[in-house]
Amino acid sequence: MTRKPTPKSADKPAPKAAGKPEPKPEPKPGPKRPGRTLAAQPDLPEMPTVVRAREDGASYQVPPEWALVAYAGAALGRVFPLSAEEVVVGRAPDSGITLLDGEVSRHHARLWVEAGRVHLEDLGSTNGTRLNGETVHAPVEVRAGDRLAMGGHVLKLVFLDPLERAFHETLLDLSTRDPLTGLANRASTLAEFQNRFGLSLRYDRPLSIAVCDLDHFKRVNDTHGHGAGDLVLRNFGECLMATLREADLAGRIGGEEFLMVLPETELSGARPFAERLRRTLAANPVRLPSGPVTVTCSLGIAERTATDLEPGQLLARADAALYRAKAAGRDRVCEG
């Protein structure tokens, strides 16, 4: 029996040649998009270079000076210049460099500059003075970069020119000062208050505080605008700084609330201070474009007592006295 050949189907494609892939169809070109063009920039006027006038023979060379920079402790960031004369470091207010630290003696050590070199001597302090980790037993020379440890403070000796000193002081102001009033900011004020409270408690020394609030400050903002409110705050800061003693501390702890710390001051001394501030502010109206505006303040004062074991207890009594002053009609001083 003869097998007949199977006819090829017309539907089947022809077999592909081995090793030759079928070429892909080229994509059809789409519609062309309009290109982006940059807008023409206007011709700006050329800014001329300002020529600084300088007199013939003028010298800008200012000699650098020795200084101590606080790298640790409550005085962190502060710069203490060393003059050619003797400088005493200690806790006492009459010290040339005052370190408010319970572990620092009243007159802890002294430094002096002689023939361009800095010398250090411990003044029989209770906890001693350390130079680069070694206890100082006799007068010794201190070199640039050396570190002095007194209590919880670490001071580094540096040789600063005026520009470097201004740089350090600017950094300190930016971190501790309220830019509007020039007073200490909230963080640095409360930290310093806690430090001074601890000293008062440890050595049983008098300490008073005053809490102040500007009367009707919101009304000033609502009536004259926030720019006027800024002028009022700046004016109060000037009045307050003119009233403070050198050892006193003042800072802005809220929008229109301020704290004053008065070391070595009893309540009988805090009241005249508060009354003087109140009268000074009322007697100096703020000059606005719309006319002068008189601003008053209310104050609460309190003195540390034997029952005050935490700074918050003293602050709470002064704050309660402030609210009594406001409830009684404002523009007055109340004791807590």
C-alpha atoms as a PDB file:
ATOM      1  CA  MET A   1       0.000   0.000   0.000  1.00  0.00           C
ATOM      2  CA  THR A   2       1.425   3.266  -1.112  1.00  0.00           C
ATOM      3  CA  ARG A   3       1.312   6.229   1.473  1.00  0.00           C
ATOM      4  CA  LYS A   4       0.309   9.489  -0.163  1.00  0.00           C
ATOM      5  CA  PRO A   5       2.303  12.634   0.754  1.00  0.00           C
ATOM      6  CA  THR A   6       0.486  15.030   3.134  1.00  0.00           C
ATOM      7  CA  PRO A   7      -0.173  18.355   1.425  1.00  0.00           C
ATOM      8  CA  LYS A   8       1.315  21.475   3.026  1.00  0.00           C
ATOM      9  CA  SER A   9      -1.191  23.759   4.763  1.00  0.00           C
ATOM     10  CA  ALA A  10      -1.448  27.193   3.330  1.00  0.00           C
ATOM     11  CA  ASP A  11      -2.098  28.612   6.846  1.00  0.00           C
ATOM     12  CA  LYS A  12       1.228  27.560   8.321  1.00  0.00           C
ATOM     13  CA  PRO A  13       4.031  30.109   8.058  1.00  0.00           C
ATOM     14  CA  ALA A  14       7.238  29.168   6.445  1.00  0.00           C
ATOM     15  CA  PRO A  15       9.889  27.950   8.868  1.00  0.00           C
ATOM     16  CA  LYS A  16      12.419  30.621  10.044  1.00  0.00           C
ATOM     17  CA  ALA A  17      15.974  30.314   9.001  1.00  0.00           C
ATOM     18  CA  ALA A  18      18.144  29.201  11.877  1.00  0.00           C
ATOM     19  CA  GLY A  19      20.350  31.880  13.449  1.00  0.00           C
ATOM     20  CA  LYS A  20      18.670  34.821  11.722  1.00  0.00           C
ATOM     21  CA  PRO A  21      16.206  36.631  14.068  1.00  0.00           C
ATOM     22  CA  GLU A  22      13.358  38.423  12.490  1.00  0.00           C
ATOM     23  CA  PRO A  23      13.991  42.183  12.337  1.00  0.00           C
ATOM     24  CA  LYS A  24      11.701  44.318  14.550  1.00  0.00           C
ATOM     25  CA  PRO A  25       9.568  46.884  12.854  1.00  0.00           C
ATOM     26  CA  GLU A  26      10.809  50.440  13.268  1.00  0.00           C
ATOM     27  CA  PRO A  27       8.526  52.655  15.438  1.00  0.00           C
ATOM     28  CA  LYS A  28       6.500  55.158  13.574  1.00  0.00           C
ATOM     29  CA  PRO A  29       7.542  58.739  14.238  1.00  0.00           C
ATOM     30  CA  GLY A  30       5.001  60.622  16.409  1.00  0.00           C
ATOM     31  CA  PRO A  31       4.011  64.244  16.217  1.00  0.00           C
ATOM     32  CA  LYS A  32       6.839  66.655  17.004  1.00  0.00           C
ATOM     33  CA  ARG A  33       6.594  68.603  20.296  1.00  0.00           C
ATOM     34  CA  PRO A  34       7.396  72.265  20.260  1.00  0.00           C
ATOM     35  CA  GLY A  35      10.808  72.951  21.824  1.00  0.00           C
ATOM     36  CA  ARG A  36      11.131  74.976  25.089  1.00  0.00           C
ATOM     37  CA  THR A  37      12.727  78.365  24.864  1.00  0.00           C
ATOM     38  CA  LEU A  38      14.083  80.325  27.858  1.00  0.00           C
ATOM     39  CA  ALA A  39      12.462  83.642  28.518  1.00  0.00           C
ATOM     40  CA  ALA A  40      14.662  86.553  27.678  1.00  0.00           C
ATOM     41  CA  GLN A  41      16.386  87.924  30.781  1.00  0.00           C
ATOM     42  CA  PRO A  42      16.300  91.671  31.243  1.00  0.00           C
ATOM     43  CA  ASP A  43      19.602  93.470  31.181  1.00  0.00           C
ATOM     44  CA  LEU A  44      20.472  94.208  34.820  1.00  0.00           C
ATOM     45  CA  PRO A  45      22.595  97.230  35.663  1.00  0.00           C
ATOM     46  CA  GLU A  46      26.148  96.465  36.639  1.00  0.00           C
ATOM     47  CA  MET A  47      26.736  96.969  40.386  1.00  0.00           C
ATOM     48  CA  PRO A  48      29.815  99.103  40.954  1.00  0.00           C
ATOM     49  CA  THR A  49      32.445  98.082  43.470  1.00  0.00           C
ATOM     50  CA  VAL A  50      32.496 100.290  46.544  1.00  0.00           C
ATOM     51  CA  VAL A  51      35.944 101.680  47.247  1.00  0.00           C
ATOM     52  CA  ARG A  52      36.705 101.986  50.946  1.00  0.00           C
ATOM     53  CA  ALA A  53      38.458 105.204  51.821  1.00  0.00           C
ATOM     54  CA  ARG A  54      41.645 104.730  53.803  1.00  0.00           C
ATOM     55  CA  GLU A  55      43.860 107.444  55.147  1.00  0.00           C
ATOM     56  CA  ASP A  56      47.535 107.351  54.407  1.00  0.00           C
ATOM     57  CA  GLY A  57      49.459 105.678  57.173  1.00  0.00           C
ATOM     58  CA  ALA A  58      46.341 104.175  58.769  1.00  0.00           C
ATOM     59  CA  SER A  59      47.070 100.837  60.363  1.00  0.00           C
ATOM     60  CA  TYR A  60      44.562  98.035  60.854  1.00  0.00           C
ATOM     61  CA  GLN A  61      46.953  95.872  62.790  1.00  0.00           C
ATOM     62  CA  VAL A  62      45.557  95.433  66.312  1.00  0.00           C
ATOM     63  CA  PRO A  63      47.691  93.249  68.563  1.00  0.00           C
ATOM     64  CA  PRO A  64      46.053  90.025  69.744  1.00  0.00           C
ATOM     65  CA  GLU A  65      45.559  89.327  73.428  1.00  0.00           C
ATOM     66  CA  TRP A  66      45.470  86.394  75.802  1.00  0.00           C
ATOM     67  CA  ALA A  67      42.044  85.175  76.857  1.00  0.00           C
ATOM     68  CA  LEU A  68      40.326  82.262  78.565  1.00  0.00           C
ATOM     69  CA  VAL A  69      37.398  80.617  76.783  1.00  0.00           C
ATOM     70  CA  ALA A  70      34.983  78.554  78.889  1.00  0.00           C
ATOM     71  CA  TYR A  71      34.631  75.096  77.321  1.00  0.00           C
ATOM     72  CA  ALA A  72      32.538  73.631  80.163  1.00  0.00           C
ATOM     73  CA  GLY A  73      30.519  74.887  83.114  1.00  0.00           C
ATOM     74  CA  ALA A  74      27.861  77.517  83.666  1.00  0.00           C
ATOM     75  CA  ALA A  75      29.973  80.120  81.818  1.00  0.00           C
ATOM     76  CA  LEU A  76      30.115  77.936  78.683  1.00  0.00           C
ATOM     77  CA  GLY A  77      31.189  79.954  75.644  1.00  0.00           C
ATOM     78  CA  ARG A  78      32.214  83.095  77.494  1.00  0.00           C
ATOM     79  CA  VAL A  79      35.479  84.846  76.686  1.00  0.00           C
ATOM     80  CA  PHE A  80      37.513  86.283  79.568  1.00  0.00           C
ATOM     81  CA  PRO A  81      40.318  88.600  78.381  1.00  0.00           C
ATOM     82  CA  LEU A  82      43.526  88.607  80.425  1.00  0.00           C
ATOM     83  CA  SER A  83      45.024  92.030  80.944  1.00  0.00           C
ATOM     84  CA  ALA A  84      48.658  92.665  81.765  1.00  0.00           C
ATOM     85  CA  GLU A  85      47.658  93.040  85.414  1.00  0.00           C
ATOM     86  CA  GLU A  86      46.726  90.247  87.801  1.00  0.00           C
ATOM     87  CA  VAL A  87      43.325  88.601  87.327  1.00  0.00           C
ATOM     88  CA  VAL A  88      41.725  86.627  90.168  1.00  0.00           C
ATOM     89  CA  VAL A  89      39.365  83.770  89.340  1.00  0.00           C
ATOM     90  CA  GLY A  90      36.760  82.832  91.937  1.00  0.00           C
ATOM     91  CA  ARG A  91      33.173  82.712  93.089  1.00  0.00           C
ATOM     92  CA  ALA A  92      33.192  86.104  94.808  1.00  0.00           C
ATOM     93  CA  PRO A  93      31.544  89.010  92.979  1.00  0.00           C
ATOM     94  CA  ASP A  94      34.729  91.070  93.279  1.00  0.00           C
ATOM     95  CA  SER A  95      36.768  88.505  91.316  1.00  0.00           C
ATOM     96  CA  GLY A  96      38.111  89.558  87.957  1.00  0.00           C
ATOM     97  CA  ILE A  97      36.651  86.365  86.464  1.00  0.00           C
ATOM     98  CA  THR A  98      33.570  85.268  88.393  1.00  0.00           C
ATOM     99  CA  LEU A  99      32.591  81.598  88.122  1.00  0.00           C
ATOM    100  CA  LEU A 100      29.261  80.849  89.804  1.00  0.00           C
ATOM    101  CA  ASP A 101      30.101  77.328  90.882  1.00  0.00           C
ATOM    102  CA  GLY A 102      29.733  75.825  94.350  1.00  0.00           C
ATOM    103  CA  GLU A 103      32.998  73.898  93.899  1.00  0.00           C
ATOM    104  CA  VAL A 104      34.947  77.080  93.097  1.00  0.00           C
ATOM    105  CA  SER A 105      36.395  78.978  96.079  1.00  0.00           C
ATOM    106  CA  ARG A 106      35.651  82.663  96.573  1.00  0.00           C
ATOM    107  CA  HIS A 107      39.204  83.494  95.460  1.00  0.00           C
ATOM    108  CA  HIS A 108      40.304  80.319  93.723  1.00  0.00           C
ATOM    109  CA  ALA A 109      43.357  81.158  91.587  1.00  0.00           C
ATOM    110  CA  ARG A 110      45.151  84.054  89.958  1.00  0.00           C
ATOM    111  CA  LEU A 111      46.651  84.608  86.514  1.00  0.00           C
ATOM    112  CA  TRP A 112      48.995  87.305  85.331  1.00  0.00           C
ATOM    113  CA  VAL A 113      50.846  88.178  82.132  1.00  0.00           C
ATOM    114  CA  GLU A 114      54.548  88.945  82.359  1.00  0.00           C
ATOM    115  CA  ALA A 115      56.796  89.535  79.346  1.00  0.00           C
ATOM    116  CA  GLY A 116      54.083  88.145  77.079  1.00  0.00           C
ATOM    117  CA  ARG A 117      53.766  84.890  79.057  1.00  0.00           C
ATOM    118  CA  VAL A 118      50.818  83.782  81.182  1.00  0.00           C
ATOM    119  CA  HIS A 119      51.358  82.436  84.696  1.00  0.00           C
ATOM    120  CA  LEU A 120      48.954  80.624  87.045  1.00  0.00           C
ATOM    121  CA  GLU A 121      48.880  80.181  90.812  1.00  0.00           C
ATOM    122  CA  ASP A 122      46.345  78.425  93.011  1.00  0.00           C
ATOM    123  CA  LEU A 123      45.262  80.555  95.978  1.00  0.00           C
ATOM    124  CA  GLY A 124      44.761  77.700  98.429  1.00  0.00           C
ATOM    125  CA  SER A 125      41.393  76.723  96.969  1.00  0.00           C
ATOM    126  CA  THR A 126      39.334  73.979  98.608  1.00  0.00           C
ATOM    127  CA  ASN A 127      39.086  71.733  95.547  1.00  0.00           C
ATOM    128  CA  GLY A 128      42.309  72.746  93.849  1.00  0.00           C
ATOM    129  CA  THR A 129      43.208  73.942  90.356  1.00  0.00           C
ATOM    130  CA  ARG A 130      44.195  71.503  87.596  1.00  0.00           C
ATOM    131  CA  LEU A 131      46.282  72.331  84.542  1.00  0.00           C
ATOM    132  CA  ASN A 132      45.908  69.744  81.770  1.00  0.00           C
ATOM    133  CA  GLY A 133      44.728  67.250  84.389  1.00  0.00           C
ATOM    134  CA  GLU A 134      47.590  67.881  86.839  1.00  0.00           C
ATOM    135  CA  THR A 135      47.027  69.604  90.188  1.00  0.00           C
ATOM    136  CA  VAL A 136      48.790  72.964  90.487  1.00  0.00           C
ATOM    137  CA  HIS A 137      50.927  73.175  93.642  1.00  0.00           C
ATOM    138  CA  ALA A 138      53.151  76.146  92.733  1.00  0.00           C
ATOM    139  CA  PRO A 139      53.163  79.027  90.221  1.00  0.00           C
ATOM    140  CA  VAL A 140      53.397  77.634  86.700  1.00  0.00           C
ATOM    141  CA  GLU A 141      53.471  78.957  83.147  1.00  0.00           C
ATOM    142  CA  VAL A 142      50.377  78.364  81.011  1.00  0.00           C
ATOM    143  CA  ARG A 143      50.741  77.992  77.255  1.00  0.00           C
ATOM    144  CA  ALA A 144      48.273  78.470  74.418  1.00  0.00           C
ATOM    145  CA  GLY A 145      45.891  75.527  74.231  1.00  0.00           C
ATOM    146  CA  ASP A 146      46.348  74.524  77.885  1.00  0.00           C
ATOM    147  CA  ARG A 147      43.190  73.755  79.858  1.00  0.00           C
ATOM    148  CA  LEU A 148      42.473  74.912  83.383  1.00  0.00           C
ATOM    149  CA  ALA A 149      39.895  73.062  85.496  1.00  0.00           C
ATOM    150  CA  MET A 150      38.287  74.779  88.480  1.00  0.00           C
ATOM    151  CA  GLY A 151      35.244  73.074  89.942  1.00  0.00           C
ATOM    152  CA  GLY A 152      32.907  72.220  87.091  1.00  0.00           C
ATOM    153  CA  HIS A 153      34.482  74.758  84.751  1.00  0.00           C
ATOM    154  CA  VAL A 154      37.107  74.099  82.079  1.00  0.00           C
ATOM    155  CA  LEU A 155      38.883  77.176  80.690  1.00  0.00           C
ATOM    156  CA  LYS A 156      41.157  77.056  77.644  1.00  0.00           C
ATOM    157  CA  LEU A 157      43.935  79.594  77.158  1.00  0.00           C
ATOM    158  CA  VAL A 158      43.890  81.089  73.663  1.00  0.00           C
ATOM    159  CA  PHE A 159      45.611  83.937  71.836  1.00  0.00           C
ATOM    160  CA  LEU A 160      42.813  85.896  70.163  1.00  0.00           C
ATOM    161  CA  ASP A 161      42.899  88.815  67.800  1.00  0.00           C
ATOM    162  CA  PRO A 162      39.923  91.227  67.929  1.00  0.00           C
ATOM    163  CA  LEU A 163      38.166  89.492  65.037  1.00  0.00           C
ATOM    164  CA  GLU A 164      38.360  86.072  66.714  1.00  0.00           C
ATOM    165  CA  ARG A 165      37.203  87.500  70.006  1.00  0.00           C
ATOM    166  CA  ALA A 166      34.234  89.189  68.317  1.00  0.00           C
ATOM    167  CA  PHE A 167      33.410  85.883  66.622  1.00  0.00           C
ATOM    168  CA  HIS A 168      33.282  84.004  69.949  1.00  0.00           C
ATOM    169  CA  GLU A 169      31.234  86.733  71.601  1.00  0.00           C
ATOM    170  CA  THR A 170      28.769  86.814  68.699  1.00  0.00           C
ATOM    171  CA  LEU A 171      28.245  83.061  68.920  1.00  0.00           C
ATOM    172  CA  LEU A 172      27.604  83.400  72.646  1.00  0.00           C
ATOM    173  CA  ASP A 173      25.080  86.187  72.121  1.00  0.00           C
ATOM    174  CA  LEU A 174      23.238  84.211  69.460  1.00  0.00           C
ATOM    175  CA  SER A 175      22.813  81.264  71.823  1.00  0.00           C
ATOM    176  CA  THR A 176      22.056  83.097  75.085  1.00  0.00           C
ATOM    177  CA  ARG A 177      20.525  86.488  74.208  1.00  0.00           C
ATOM    178  CA  ASP A 178      17.022  87.544  73.256  1.00  0.00           C
ATOM    179  CA  PRO A 179      17.601  89.507  70.036  1.00  0.00           C
ATOM    180  CA  LEU A 180      14.697  91.892  70.609  1.00  0.00           C
ATOM    181  CA  THR A 181      15.377  93.107  74.152  1.00  0.00           C
ATOM    182  CA  GLY A 182      19.090  92.365  74.482  1.00  0.00           C
ATOM    183  CA  LEU A 183      18.377  90.462  77.703  1.00  0.00           C
ATOM    184  CA  ALA A 184      19.158  86.811  78.349  1.00  0.00           C
ATOM    185  CA  ASN A 185      16.819  84.346  76.634  1.00  0.00           C
ATOM    186  CA  ARG A 186      14.588  81.885  78.456  1.00  0.00           C
ATOM    187  CA  ALA A 187      16.970  78.916  78.463  1.00  0.00           C
ATOM    188  CA  SER A 188      20.007  80.812  79.723  1.00  0.00           C
ATOM    189  CA  THR A 189      17.954  82.759  82.290  1.00  0.00           C
ATOM    190  CA  LEU A 190      16.437  79.675  83.900  1.00  0.00           C
ATOM    191  CA  ALA A 191      19.779  77.850  83.854  1.00  0.00           C
ATOM    192  CA  GLU A 192      21.519  80.771  85.556  1.00  0.00           C
ATOM    193  CA  PHE A 193      18.672  81.111  88.065  1.00  0.00           C
ATOM    194  CA  GLN A 194      19.033  77.448  88.990  1.00  0.00           C
ATOM    195  CA  ASN A 195      22.786  77.865  89.399  1.00  0.00           C
ATOM    196  CA  ARG A 196      22.476  80.933  91.634  1.00  0.00           C
ATOM    197  CA  PHE A 197      19.733  79.287  93.664  1.00  0.00           C
ATOM    198  CA  GLY A 198      22.073  76.360  94.329  1.00  0.00           C
ATOM    199  CA  LEU A 199      24.814  78.696  95.551  1.00  0.00           C
ATOM    200  CA  SER A 200      22.379  80.532  97.806  1.00  0.00           C
ATOM    201  CA  LEU A 201      21.143  77.251  99.262  1.00  0.00           C
ATOM    202  CA  ARG A 202      24.605  75.767  99.793  1.00  0.00           C
ATOM    203  CA  TYR A 203      26.121  78.812 101.485  1.00  0.00           C
ATOM    204  CA  ASP A 204      22.910  80.112 103.054  1.00  0.00           C
ATOM    205  CA  ARG A 205      23.153  83.468 101.299  1.00  0.00           C
ATOM    206  CA  PRO A 206      20.171  85.727 100.582  1.00  0.00           C
ATOM    207  CA  LEU A 207      18.591  85.560  97.148  1.00  0.00           C
ATOM    208  CA  SER A 208      15.534  87.356  95.818  1.00  0.00           C
ATOM    209  CA  ILE A 209      13.781  87.282  92.459  1.00  0.00           C
ATOM    210  CA  ALA A 210      11.241  89.461  90.686  1.00  0.00           C
ATOM    211  CA  VAL A 211       8.788  88.322  88.031  1.00  0.00           C
ATOM    212  CA  CYS A 212       7.477  91.105  85.796  1.00  0.00           C
ATOM    213  CA  ASP A 213       4.643  91.242  83.269  1.00  0.00           C
ATOM    214  CA  LEU A 214       3.848  94.168  80.955  1.00  0.00           C
ATOM    215  CA  ASP A 215       0.302  95.431  81.513  1.00  0.00           C
ATOM    216  CA  HIS A 216      -2.172  95.203  78.611  1.00  0.00           C
ATOM    217  CA  PHE A 217       0.530  94.211  76.150  1.00  0.00           C
ATOM    218  CA  LYS A 218      -1.968  92.411  73.914  1.00  0.00           C
ATOM    219  CA  ARG A 219      -3.938  95.640  73.609  1.00  0.00           C
ATOM    220  CA  VAL A 220      -0.829  97.383  72.283  1.00  0.00           C
ATOM    221  CA  ASN A 221      -0.382  94.696  69.605  1.00  0.00           C
ATOM    222  CA  ASP A 222      -4.054  94.742  68.643  1.00  0.00           C
ATOM    223  CA  THR A 223      -4.283  98.526  68.485  1.00  0.00           C
ATOM    224  CA  HIS A 224      -0.920  99.575  67.074  1.00  0.00           C
ATOM    225  CA  GLY A 225       0.390  96.391  65.447  1.00  0.00           C
ATOM    226  CA  HIS A 226       3.135  93.934  66.297  1.00  0.00           C
ATOM    227  CA  GLY A 227       5.817  96.402  65.227  1.00  0.00           C
ATOM    228  CA  ALA A 228       4.686  98.678  68.030  1.00  0.00           C
ATOM    229  CA  GLY A 229       4.785  95.720  70.403  1.00  0.00           C
ATOM    230  CA  ASP A 230       8.412  95.108  69.455  1.00  0.00           C
ATOM    231  CA  LEU A 231       9.234  98.744  70.256  1.00  0.00           C
ATOM    232  CA  VAL A 232       7.549  98.382  73.654  1.00  0.00           C
ATOM    233  CA  LEU A 233       9.610  95.278  74.456  1.00  0.00           C
ATOM    234  CA  ARG A 234      12.819  96.965  73.321  1.00  0.00           C
ATOM    235  CA  ASN A 235      12.040 100.018  75.461  1.00  0.00           C
ATOM    236  CA  PHE A 236      11.397  97.828  78.495  1.00  0.00           C
ATOM    237  CA  GLY A 237      14.701  96.024  77.964  1.00  0.00           C
ATOM    238  CA  GLU A 238      16.536  99.352  77.989  1.00  0.00           C
ATOM    239  CA  CYS A 239      14.753 100.485  81.161  1.00  0.00           C
ATOM    240  CA  LEU A 240      15.519  97.182  82.864  1.00  0.00           C
ATOM    241  CA  MET A 241      19.214  97.151  81.974  1.00  0.00           C
ATOM    242  CA  ALA A 242      19.527 100.723  83.278  1.00  0.00           C
ATOM    243  CA  THR A 243      18.068  99.571  86.608  1.00  0.00           C
ATOM    244  CA  LEU A 244      20.104  96.399  87.165  1.00  0.00           C
ATOM    245  CA  ARG A 245      23.205  96.153  89.296  1.00  0.00           C
ATOM    246  CA  GLU A 246      26.311  94.475  87.893  1.00  0.00           C
ATOM    247  CA  ALA A 247      25.717  91.202  89.759  1.00  0.00           C
ATOM    248  CA  ASP A 248      22.006  91.005  88.874  1.00  0.00           C
ATOM    249  CA  LEU A 249      20.559  88.874  86.086  1.00  0.00           C
ATOM    250  CA  ALA A 250      17.523  89.612  83.918  1.00  0.00           C
ATOM    251  CA  GLY A 251      15.973  87.646  81.084  1.00  0.00           C
ATOM    252  CA  ARG A 252      12.883  87.294  78.960  1.00  0.00           C
ATOM    253  CA  ILE A 253      11.097  84.044  79.839  1.00  0.00           C
ATOM    254  CA  GLY A 254       7.864  84.599  77.902  1.00  0.00           C
ATOM    255  CA  GLY A 255       6.198  86.907  75.393  1.00  0.00           C
ATOM    256  CA  GLU A 256       5.955  89.876  77.783  1.00  0.00           C
ATOM    257  CA  GLU A 257       7.153  88.168  80.975  1.00  0.00           C
ATOM    258  CA  PHE A 258      10.574  88.711  82.526  1.00  0.00           C
ATOM    259  CA  LEU A 259      12.587  87.263  85.414  1.00  0.00           C
ATOM    260  CA  MET A 260      15.125  89.177  87.486  1.00  0.00           C
ATOM    261  CA  VAL A 261      17.530  87.335  89.803  1.00  0.00           C
ATOM    262  CA  LEU A 262      18.997  89.435  92.617  1.00  0.00           C
ATOM    263  CA  PRO A 263      21.843  87.668  94.474  1.00  0.00           C
ATOM    264  CA  GLU A 264      22.867  88.807  97.958  1.00  0.00           C
ATOM    265  CA  THR A 265      19.534  90.637  98.199  1.00  0.00           C
ATOM    266  CA  GLU A 266      16.825  90.295 100.832  1.00  0.00           C
ATOM    267  CA  LEU A 267      13.178  91.147 100.278  1.00  0.00           C
ATOM    268  CA  SER A 268      13.749  94.591 101.783  1.00  0.00           C
ATOM    269  CA  GLY A 269      16.213  95.284  98.960  1.00  0.00           C
ATOM    270  CA  ALA A 270      14.166  93.657  96.208  1.00  0.00           C
ATOM    271  CA  ARG A 271      11.171  95.960  96.718  1.00  0.00           C
ATOM    272  CA  PRO A 272      13.060  99.239  96.067  1.00  0.00           C
ATOM    273  CA  PHE A 273      14.520  97.654  92.935  1.00  0.00           C
ATOM    274  CA  ALA A 274      11.085  96.603  91.678  1.00  0.00           C
ATOM    275  CA  GLU A 275       9.524  99.967  92.478  1.00  0.00           C
ATOM    276  CA  ARG A 276      12.344 101.799  90.725  1.00  0.00           C
ATOM    277  CA  LEU A 277      11.836  99.673  87.601  1.00  0.00           C
ATOM    278  CA  ARG A 278       8.077 100.233  87.676  1.00  0.00           C
ATOM    279  CA  ARG A 279       8.448 104.017  87.952  1.00  0.00           C
ATOM    280  CA  THR A 280      11.177 104.156  85.281  1.00  0.00           C
ATOM    281  CA  LEU A 281       9.021 102.327  82.754  1.00  0.00           C
ATOM    282  CA  ALA A 282       5.947 104.493  83.396  1.00  0.00           C
ATOM    283  CA  ALA A 283       8.030 107.668  83.068  1.00  0.00           C
ATOM    284  CA  ASN A 284       9.420 106.678  79.659  1.00  0.00           C
ATOM    285  CA  PRO A 285       6.580 106.394  77.115  1.00  0.00           C
ATOM    286  CA  VAL A 286       7.253 104.592  73.874  1.00  0.00           C
ATOM    287  CA  ARG A 287       7.253 106.926  70.875  1.00  0.00           C
ATOM    288  CA  LEU A 288       5.205 105.428  68.051  1.00  0.00           C
ATOM    289  CA  PRO A 289       4.313 106.979  64.677  1.00  0.00           C
ATOM    290  CA  SER A 290       0.776 107.435  66.024  1.00  0.00           C
ATOM    291  CA  GLY A 291       2.058 109.171  69.159  1.00  0.00           C
ATOM    292  CA  PRO A 292       3.607 108.309  72.541  1.00  0.00           C
ATOM    293  CA  VAL A 293       2.208 105.305  74.419  1.00  0.00           C
ATOM    294  CA  THR A 294       2.698 104.863  78.156  1.00  0.00           C
ATOM    295  CA  VAL A 295       3.239 101.267  79.266  1.00  0.00           C
ATOM    296  CA  THR A 296       3.181 100.037  82.854  1.00  0.00           C
ATOM    297  CA  CYS A 297       4.163  96.751  84.461  1.00  0.00           C
ATOM    298  CA  SER A 298       3.211  94.561  87.405  1.00  0.00           C
ATOM    299  CA  LEU A 299       5.782  92.732  89.524  1.00  0.00           C
ATOM    300  CA  GLY A 300       5.855  89.908  92.038  1.00  0.00           C
ATOM    301  CA  ILE A 301       8.892  89.586  94.313  1.00  0.00           C
ATOM    302  CA  ALA A 302       9.995  86.818  96.661  1.00  0.00           C
ATOM    303  CA  GLU A 303      13.029  85.879  98.753  1.00  0.00           C
ATOM    304  CA  ARG A 304      14.410  82.397  99.243  1.00  0.00           C
ATOM    305  CA  THR A 305      13.438  80.916 102.603  1.00  0.00           C
ATOM    306  CA  ALA A 306      14.601  77.825 104.496  1.00  0.00           C
ATOM    307  CA  THR A 307      11.653  75.874 103.089  1.00  0.00           C
ATOM    308  CA  ASP A 308      12.647  76.573  99.466  1.00  0.00           C
ATOM    309  CA  LEU A 309      14.676  73.539  98.475  1.00  0.00           C
ATOM    310  CA  GLU A 310      14.049  73.835  94.721  1.00  0.00           C
ATOM    311  CA  PRO A 311      14.150  76.882  92.406  1.00  0.00           C
ATOM    312  CA  GLY A 312      10.593  76.151  91.332  1.00  0.00           C
ATOM    313  CA  GLN A 313       9.281  76.793  94.842  1.00  0.00           C
ATOM    314  CA  LEU A 314      10.735  80.295  94.922  1.00  0.00           C
ATOM    315  CA  LEU A 315       9.578  81.015  91.379  1.00  0.00           C
ATOM    316  CA  ALA A 316       6.036  79.828  92.187  1.00  0.00           C
ATOM    317  CA  ARG A 317       5.745  82.259  95.122  1.00  0.00           C
ATOM    318  CA  ALA A 318       6.960  85.182  93.012  1.00  0.00           C
ATOM    319  CA  ASP A 319       4.565  84.174  90.220  1.00  0.00           C
ATOM    320  CA  ALA A 320       1.631  84.063  92.662  1.00  0.00           C
ATOM    321  CA  ALA A 321       2.566  87.552  93.891  1.00  0.00           C
ATOM    322  CA  LEU A 322       2.580  88.765  90.282  1.00  0.00           C
ATOM    323  CA  TYR A 323      -0.985  87.547  89.736  1.00  0.00           C
ATOM    324  CA  ARG A 324      -2.088  89.298  92.922  1.00  0.00           C
ATOM    325  CA  ALA A 325      -0.560  92.520  91.612  1.00  0.00           C
ATOM    326  CA  LYS A 326      -2.468  92.164  88.340  1.00  0.00           C
ATOM    327  CA  ALA A 327      -5.726  91.298  90.121  1.00  0.00           C
ATOM    328  CA  ALA A 328      -5.353  94.345  92.379  1.00  0.00           C
ATOM    329  CA  GLY A 329      -5.316  96.734  89.411  1.00  0.00           C
ATOM    330  CA  ARG A 330      -1.859  96.314  87.829  1.00  0.00           C
ATOM    331  CA  ASP A 331       1.051  98.820  87.884  1.00  0.00           C
ATOM    332  CA  ARG A 332       2.153  97.715  91.347  1.00  0.00           C
ATOM    333  CA  VAL A 333       4.500  95.405  93.268  1.00  0.00           C
ATOM    334  CA  CYS A 334       3.342  92.536  95.494  1.00  0.00           C
ATOM    335  CA  GLU A 335       5.400  90.289  97.753  1.00  0.00           C
ATOM    336  CA  GLY A 336       5.242  86.521  97.765  1.00  0.00           C
END
